[in-house]
Amino acid sequence: MKTTTAKEVEKQYQSLNIIDVREVEEVTTGKIPGAVHIPLGLLEFRMNELNKSKEYVMVCRSGGRSGQATQFLEGQGYNVTNMDGGMMNYEGKTE
């Protein structure tokens, strides 16, 4: 599984395709600008919204659920990277 740091995402978020897999209540505290919110429990049903030719960075609160999402999508043929430490380590802009 490929991983990246929150610091790298902070620097590049405008050019990344970010998927936030946290629950609705968690996202209300702020998400990375431009991130698409797909709760982990819905990912299997909404993965058709993703393009296999693009690269995605998966984000959650601490990195565990996004790691699960990354492994699942990798198994489906998607190009995905997990953001280590999740939003707990992210200090950049939020919306």
Protein backbone atom coordinates (compact mmCIF):
# COMPACT_ATOMS: atom_id res chain seq x y z
CA MET A 1 0.00 0.00 0.00
CA LYS A 2 1.34 3.39 -0.98
CA THR A 3 1.34 6.07 1.71
CA THR A 4 1.97 9.80 1.90
CA THR A 5 2.30 12.23 4.78
CA ALA A 6 -0.16 14.90 5.84
CA LYS A 7 2.61 17.46 5.21
CA GLU A 8 2.90 16.36 1.56
CA VAL A 9 -0.88 16.60 1.14
CA GLU A 10 -0.87 20.07 2.74
CA LYS A 11 1.63 21.24 0.10
CA GLN A 12 -0.11 19.66 -2.88
CA TYR A 13 -3.82 19.39 -1.99
CA GLN A 14 -4.89 21.64 -4.89
CA SER A 15 -3.48 19.20 -7.45
CA LEU A 16 -4.61 15.98 -5.72
CA ASN A 17 -7.80 13.94 -6.00
CA ILE A 18 -8.67 13.48 -2.32
CA ILE A 19 -11.36 11.14 -1.03
CA ASP A 20 -12.45 11.67 2.59
CA VAL A 21 -13.92 8.44 3.99
CA ARG A 22 -14.94 9.81 7.40
CA GLU A 23 -18.53 9.83 8.62
CA VAL A 24 -20.82 12.82 8.01
CA GLU A 25 -20.46 14.15 11.58
CA GLU A 26 -16.65 14.07 11.32
CA VAL A 27 -16.56 15.98 8.04
CA THR A 28 -18.59 18.84 9.57
CA THR A 29 -15.46 19.71 11.59
CA GLY A 30 -13.70 20.52 8.31
CA LYS A 31 -12.28 18.69 5.32
CA ILE A 32 -9.40 19.34 2.94
CA PRO A 33 -10.57 21.84 0.29
CA GLY A 34 -11.77 20.04 -2.82
CA ALA A 35 -11.91 16.62 -1.15
CA VAL A 36 -14.81 14.39 -2.16
CA HIS A 37 -16.69 12.94 0.80
CA ILE A 38 -17.54 9.24 0.44
CA PRO A 39 -18.07 7.56 3.84
CA LEU A 40 -16.20 4.25 4.10
CA GLY A 41 -19.45 2.30 4.40
CA LEU A 42 -20.63 3.65 1.03
CA LEU A 43 -17.34 3.31 -0.84
CA GLU A 44 -18.17 -0.08 -2.36
CA PHE A 45 -21.41 1.36 -3.77
CA ARG A 46 -19.92 4.65 -4.98
CA MET A 47 -16.55 3.52 -6.36
CA ASN A 48 -18.05 3.76 -9.86
CA GLU A 49 -17.82 7.55 -9.39
CA LEU A 50 -14.02 7.21 -9.41
CA ASN A 51 -11.87 7.04 -12.53
CA LYS A 52 -9.31 4.20 -12.64
CA SER A 53 -6.98 6.37 -14.74
CA LYS A 54 -6.65 8.95 -11.92
CA GLU A 55 -4.66 8.77 -8.70
CA TYR A 56 -6.51 9.27 -5.41
CA VAL A 57 -5.38 10.08 -1.87
CA MET A 58 -7.56 8.51 0.82
CA VAL A 59 -8.12 10.42 4.08
CA CYS A 60 -9.88 9.70 7.39
CA ARG A 61 -9.47 10.83 11.00
CA SER A 62 -6.35 8.84 11.94
CA GLY A 63 -5.39 6.77 8.88
CA GLY A 64 -7.03 3.44 9.75
CA ARG A 65 -10.24 3.64 7.74
CA SER A 66 -8.48 5.33 4.82
CA GLY A 67 -5.99 2.44 4.92
CA GLN A 68 -8.88 -0.02 4.61
CA ALA A 69 -10.30 2.06 1.75
CA THR A 70 -6.90 2.15 0.04
CA GLN A 71 -6.50 -1.63 0.24
CA PHE A 72 -10.06 -2.21 -1.00
CA LEU A 73 -9.71 0.14 -3.98
CA GLU A 74 -6.26 -1.23 -4.85
CA GLY A 75 -7.87 -4.65 -5.07
CA GLN A 76 -10.42 -3.20 -7.51
CA GLY A 77 -7.67 -1.81 -9.77
CA TYR A 78 -7.60 1.82 -8.60
CA ASN A 79 -4.43 3.90 -8.13
CA VAL A 80 -4.71 4.99 -4.49
CA THR A 81 -2.46 6.29 -1.70
CA ASN A 82 -3.24 6.45 2.03
CA MET A 83 -2.52 9.66 3.98
CA ASP A 84 -0.73 8.48 7.14
CA GLY A 85 -2.11 9.84 10.40
CA GLY A 86 -5.27 11.21 8.80
CA MET A 87 -6.79 14.56 9.67
CA MET A 88 -5.25 14.34 13.16
CA ASN A 89 -1.88 15.11 11.49
CA TYR A 90 -3.19 17.54 8.87
CA GLU A 91 -2.52 21.19 9.70
CA GLY A 92 -3.38 22.78 6.34
CA LYS A 93 -6.45 24.60 5.09
CA THR A 94 -9.90 23.12 5.62
CA GLU A 95 -13.38 23.98 4.40
